């Protein structure tokens, strides 16, 4: 009887627990060099499965805070963000302002989100696909023929 009660309680508790992170569908990164100073940009596109318990805040790459544009479509959320190295604010993982220069590191990319019920900020590591590319590459004159 104790075993049946224990299993019933375990089943009830497990059905009440919701996922505390997002399912990553796709994450890509593109670099655009631009032609003048200040025109260089890093563009991010992240596609995640929608989780009604969580609210996306921003993308943190190294200590660089990147605001994201959100578009919901059929159970998925598309997040787009752009990083301009000369203009971006820097923060720590705790959300405090960083007084050091931009430490832009794609290996340290985190999606920062808030749990709607507990109002607690959490982070999820994002790994960008290896097929990320460079746009607007500047050709060089010393290319062998």
C-alpha atoms as a PDB file:
ATOM      1  CA  UNK A   1       0.000   0.000   0.000  1.00  0.00           C
ATOM      2  CA  UNK A   2       2.862   2.374   0.815  1.00  0.00           C
ATOM      3  CA  UNK A   3       4.370   1.635  -2.552  1.00  0.00           C
ATOM      4  CA  UNK A   4       1.147   2.470  -4.372  1.00  0.00           C
ATOM      5  CA  UNK A   5       0.794   5.733  -2.429  1.00  0.00           C
ATOM      6  CA  UNK A   6       4.417   6.619  -3.148  1.00  0.00           C
ATOM      7  CA  UNK A   7       3.976   5.941  -6.876  1.00  0.00           C
ATOM      8  CA  UNK A   8       0.777   8.010  -6.976  1.00  0.00           C
ATOM      9  CA  UNK A   9       2.489  10.940  -5.285  1.00  0.00           C
ATOM     10  CA  UNK A  10       5.517  10.614  -7.557  1.00  0.00           C
ATOM     11  CA  UNK A  11       3.289  10.543 -10.648  1.00  0.00           C
ATOM     12  CA  UNK A  12       1.336  13.593  -9.463  1.00  0.00           C
ATOM     13  CA  UNK A  13       4.480  15.612  -8.734  1.00  0.00           C
ATOM     14  CA  UNK A  14       6.142  14.689 -12.012  1.00  0.00           C
ATOM     15  CA  UNK A  15       3.087  15.764 -13.997  1.00  0.00           C
ATOM     16  CA  UNK A  16       3.131  19.181 -12.299  1.00  0.00           C
ATOM     17  CA  UNK A  17       6.758  19.941 -13.088  1.00  0.00           C
ATOM     18  CA  UNK A  18       7.355  21.957 -16.265  1.00  0.00           C
ATOM     19  CA  UNK A  19      10.578  22.336 -18.205  1.00  0.00           C
ATOM     20  CA  UNK A  20      12.828  25.085 -16.898  1.00  0.00           C
ATOM     21  CA  UNK A  21      14.624  25.764 -20.164  1.00  0.00           C
ATOM     22  CA  UNK A  22      13.995  26.110 -23.880  1.00  0.00           C
ATOM     23  CA  UNK A  23      14.434  23.458 -26.541  1.00  0.00           C
ATOM     24  CA  UNK A  24      16.907  24.905 -29.017  1.00  0.00           C
ATOM     25  CA  UNK A  25      15.919  24.226 -32.628  1.00  0.00           C
ATOM     26  CA  UNK A  26      18.516  26.336 -34.449  1.00  0.00           C
ATOM     27  CA  UNK A  27      21.158  28.926 -33.567  1.00  0.00           C
ATOM     28  CA  UNK A  28      23.194  30.689 -36.226  1.00  0.00           C
ATOM     29  CA  UNK A  29      25.668  33.558 -36.247  1.00  0.00           C
ATOM     30  CA  UNK A  30      26.680  35.789 -39.166  1.00  0.00           C
ATOM     31  CA  UNK A  31      29.447  38.390 -39.344  1.00  0.00           C
ATOM     32  CA  UNK A  32      29.074  41.434 -41.595  1.00  0.00           C
ATOM     33  CA  UNK A  33      32.241  43.522 -41.988  1.00  0.00           C
ATOM     34  CA  UNK A  34      30.712  46.638 -43.526  1.00  0.00           C
ATOM     35  CA  UNK A  35      32.622  49.310 -45.422  1.00  0.00           C
ATOM     36  CA  UNK A  36      33.138  52.112 -42.903  1.00  0.00           C
ATOM     37  CA  UNK A  37      34.177  52.333 -39.263  1.00  0.00           C
ATOM     38  CA  UNK A  38      31.305  51.366 -36.987  1.00  0.00           C
ATOM     39  CA  UNK A  39      29.491  49.373 -39.673  1.00  0.00           C
ATOM     40  CA  UNK A  40      30.781  45.959 -38.608  1.00  0.00           C
ATOM     41  CA  UNK A  41      28.051  43.813 -37.101  1.00  0.00           C
ATOM     42  CA  UNK A  42      27.481  40.355 -35.661  1.00  0.00           C
ATOM     43  CA  UNK A  43      23.990  39.024 -36.381  1.00  0.00           C
ATOM     44  CA  UNK A  44      22.308  36.268 -34.387  1.00  0.00           C
ATOM     45  CA  UNK A  45      19.280  34.144 -35.233  1.00  0.00           C
ATOM     46  CA  UNK A  46      17.962  31.703 -32.635  1.00  0.00           C
ATOM     47  CA  UNK A  47      14.926  29.478 -33.046  1.00  0.00           C
ATOM     48  CA  UNK A  48      13.508  27.878 -29.882  1.00  0.00           C
ATOM     49  CA  UNK A  49      10.399  25.957 -28.923  1.00  0.00           C
ATOM     50  CA  UNK A  50       7.917  28.116 -27.042  1.00  0.00           C
ATOM     51  CA  UNK A  51       7.629  27.557 -23.283  1.00  0.00           C
ATOM     52  CA  UNK A  52       4.749  29.523 -21.685  1.00  0.00           C
ATOM     53  CA  UNK A  53       6.440  29.405 -18.249  1.00  0.00           C
ATOM     54  CA  UNK A  54       9.532  31.294 -19.457  1.00  0.00           C
ATOM     55  CA  UNK A  55      10.093  34.811 -20.820  1.00  0.00           C
ATOM     56  CA  UNK A  56      13.183  35.554 -22.946  1.00  0.00           C
ATOM     57  CA  UNK A  57      15.115  38.647 -21.800  1.00  0.00           C
ATOM     58  CA  UNK A  58      18.348  38.967 -23.852  1.00  0.00           C
ATOM     59  CA  UNK A  59      21.417  37.170 -25.212  1.00  0.00           C
ATOM     60  CA  UNK A  60      24.676  37.410 -23.285  1.00  0.00           C
ATOM     61  CA  UNK A  61      27.835  36.719 -25.326  1.00  0.00           C
ATOM     62  CA  UNK A  62      30.903  36.970 -23.104  1.00  0.00           C
ATOM     63  CA  UNK A  63      30.016  40.128 -21.203  1.00  0.00           C
ATOM     64  CA  UNK A  64      28.097  41.732 -24.082  1.00  0.00           C
ATOM     65  CA  UNK A  65      24.347  42.165 -23.661  1.00  0.00           C
ATOM     66  CA  UNK A  66      22.455  41.798 -26.959  1.00  0.00           C
ATOM     67  CA  UNK A  67      18.791  42.769 -27.097  1.00  0.00           C
ATOM     68  CA  UNK A  68      16.613  40.355 -29.062  1.00  0.00           C
ATOM     69  CA  UNK A  69      13.615  40.895 -31.311  1.00  0.00           C
ATOM     70  CA  UNK A  70      11.027  38.158 -30.710  1.00  0.00           C
ATOM     71  CA  UNK A  71       8.565  36.725 -33.194  1.00  0.00           C
ATOM     72  CA  UNK A  72       6.238  33.881 -32.178  1.00  0.00           C
ATOM     73  CA  UNK A  73       4.992  31.536 -34.874  1.00  0.00           C
ATOM     74  CA  UNK A  74       3.141  28.252 -34.339  1.00  0.00           C
ATOM     75  CA  UNK A  75       4.763  27.075 -31.098  1.00  0.00           C
ATOM     76  CA  UNK A  76       8.242  28.439 -31.882  1.00  0.00           C
ATOM     77  CA  UNK A  77       9.940  31.705 -31.053  1.00  0.00           C
ATOM     78  CA  UNK A  78      12.363  33.312 -33.500  1.00  0.00           C
ATOM     79  CA  UNK A  79      14.913  35.589 -31.822  1.00  0.00           C
ATOM     80  CA  UNK A  80      17.041  38.020 -33.820  1.00  0.00           C
ATOM     81  CA  UNK A  81      19.775  40.235 -32.451  1.00  0.00           C
ATOM     82  CA  UNK A  82      22.565  42.422 -33.788  1.00  0.00           C
ATOM     83  CA  UNK A  83      25.818  43.357 -32.085  1.00  0.00           C
ATOM     84  CA  UNK A  84      27.720  46.496 -33.087  1.00  0.00           C
ATOM     85  CA  UNK A  85      31.117  46.333 -31.294  1.00  0.00           C
ATOM     86  CA  UNK A  86      31.502  50.112 -30.946  1.00  0.00           C
ATOM     87  CA  UNK A  87      28.096  50.694 -29.309  1.00  0.00           C
ATOM     88  CA  UNK A  88      27.186  47.672 -27.173  1.00  0.00           C
ATOM     89  CA  UNK A  89      26.811  47.776 -23.339  1.00  0.00           C
ATOM     90  CA  UNK A  90      28.710  45.170 -21.318  1.00  0.00           C
ATOM     91  CA  UNK A  91      27.410  43.321 -18.247  1.00  0.00           C
ATOM     92  CA  UNK A  92      28.298  40.308 -16.123  1.00  0.00           C
ATOM     93  CA  UNK A  93      26.284  37.070 -15.937  1.00  0.00           C
ATOM     94  CA  UNK A  94      24.683  38.450 -12.735  1.00  0.00           C
ATOM     95  CA  UNK A  95      23.316  41.452 -14.670  1.00  0.00           C
ATOM     96  CA  UNK A  96      25.722  44.023 -13.196  1.00  0.00           C
ATOM     97  CA  UNK A  97      27.483  46.603 -15.398  1.00  0.00           C
ATOM     98  CA  UNK A  98      30.968  45.544 -16.411  1.00  0.00           C
ATOM     99  CA  UNK A  99      33.640  48.229 -16.436  1.00  0.00           C
ATOM    100  CA  UNK A 100      35.928  46.273 -18.719  1.00  0.00           C
ATOM    101  CA  UNK A 101      36.064  46.386 -22.499  1.00  0.00           C
ATOM    102  CA  UNK A 102      33.825  44.152 -24.570  1.00  0.00           C
ATOM    103  CA  UNK A 103      34.714  40.501 -24.077  1.00  0.00           C
ATOM    104  CA  UNK A 104      32.837  39.118 -27.073  1.00  0.00           C
ATOM    105  CA  UNK A 105      33.244  35.327 -26.927  1.00  0.00           C
ATOM    106  CA  UNK A 106      30.921  33.061 -28.939  1.00  0.00           C
ATOM    107  CA  UNK A 107      31.937  30.074 -26.783  1.00  0.00           C
ATOM    108  CA  UNK A 108      30.366  31.832 -23.789  1.00  0.00           C
ATOM    109  CA  UNK A 109      26.900  32.597 -25.189  1.00  0.00           C
ATOM    110  CA  UNK A 110      23.892  32.387 -22.867  1.00  0.00           C
ATOM    111  CA  UNK A 111      20.195  33.017 -23.415  1.00  0.00           C
ATOM    112  CA  UNK A 112      18.935  34.879 -20.335  1.00  0.00           C
ATOM    113  CA  UNK A 113      15.278  34.308 -19.463  1.00  0.00           C
ATOM    114  CA  UNK A 114      12.905  34.748 -16.548  1.00  0.00           C
ATOM    115  CA  UNK A 115      10.622  32.179 -14.962  1.00  0.00           C
ATOM    116  CA  UNK A 116       7.187  33.819 -14.967  1.00  0.00           C
ATOM    117  CA  UNK A 117       6.069  32.204 -11.696  1.00  0.00           C
ATOM    118  CA  UNK A 118       9.165  32.738  -9.553  1.00  0.00           C
ATOM    119  CA  UNK A 119      10.392  35.953 -11.283  1.00  0.00           C
ATOM    120  CA  UNK A 120      13.907  34.477 -11.158  1.00  0.00           C
ATOM    121  CA  UNK A 121      16.377  35.048 -13.999  1.00  0.00           C
ATOM    122  CA  UNK A 122      18.086  31.956 -15.375  1.00  0.00           C
ATOM    123  CA  UNK A 123      20.506  31.251 -18.204  1.00  0.00           C
ATOM    124  CA  UNK A 124      20.850  28.581 -20.855  1.00  0.00           C
ATOM    125  CA  UNK A 125      24.050  28.020 -22.837  1.00  0.00           C
ATOM    126  CA  UNK A 126      23.677  28.490 -26.594  1.00  0.00           C
ATOM    127  CA  UNK A 127      25.967  26.735 -29.057  1.00  0.00           C
ATOM    128  CA  UNK A 128      25.915  28.247 -32.529  1.00  0.00           C
ATOM    129  CA  UNK A 129      25.885  25.977 -35.564  1.00  0.00           C
ATOM    130  CA  UNK A 130      29.216  25.345 -37.253  1.00  0.00           C
ATOM    131  CA  UNK A 131      27.802  26.582 -40.571  1.00  0.00           C
ATOM    132  CA  UNK A 132      27.733  30.195 -39.330  1.00  0.00           C
ATOM    133  CA  UNK A 133      29.267  32.414 -41.960  1.00  0.00           C
ATOM    134  CA  UNK A 134      30.824  35.729 -42.863  1.00  0.00           C
ATOM    135  CA  UNK A 135      28.806  38.068 -45.095  1.00  0.00           C
ATOM    136  CA  UNK A 136      30.169  40.958 -47.130  1.00  0.00           C
ATOM    137  CA  UNK A 137      33.697  39.553 -47.102  1.00  0.00           C
ATOM    138  CA  UNK A 138      36.206  42.077 -48.419  1.00  0.00           C
ATOM    139  CA  UNK A 139      38.235  40.601 -51.300  1.00  0.00           C
ATOM    140  CA  UNK A 140      41.992  40.999 -51.144  1.00  0.00           C
ATOM    141  CA  UNK A 141      44.320  41.804 -54.042  1.00  0.00           C
ATOM    142  CA  UNK A 142      46.949  39.213 -53.081  1.00  0.00           C
ATOM    143  CA  UNK A 143      44.827  36.191 -54.001  1.00  0.00           C
ATOM    144  CA  UNK A 144      46.817  33.858 -56.295  1.00  0.00           C
ATOM    145  CA  UNK A 145      45.355  33.286 -59.741  1.00  0.00           C
END
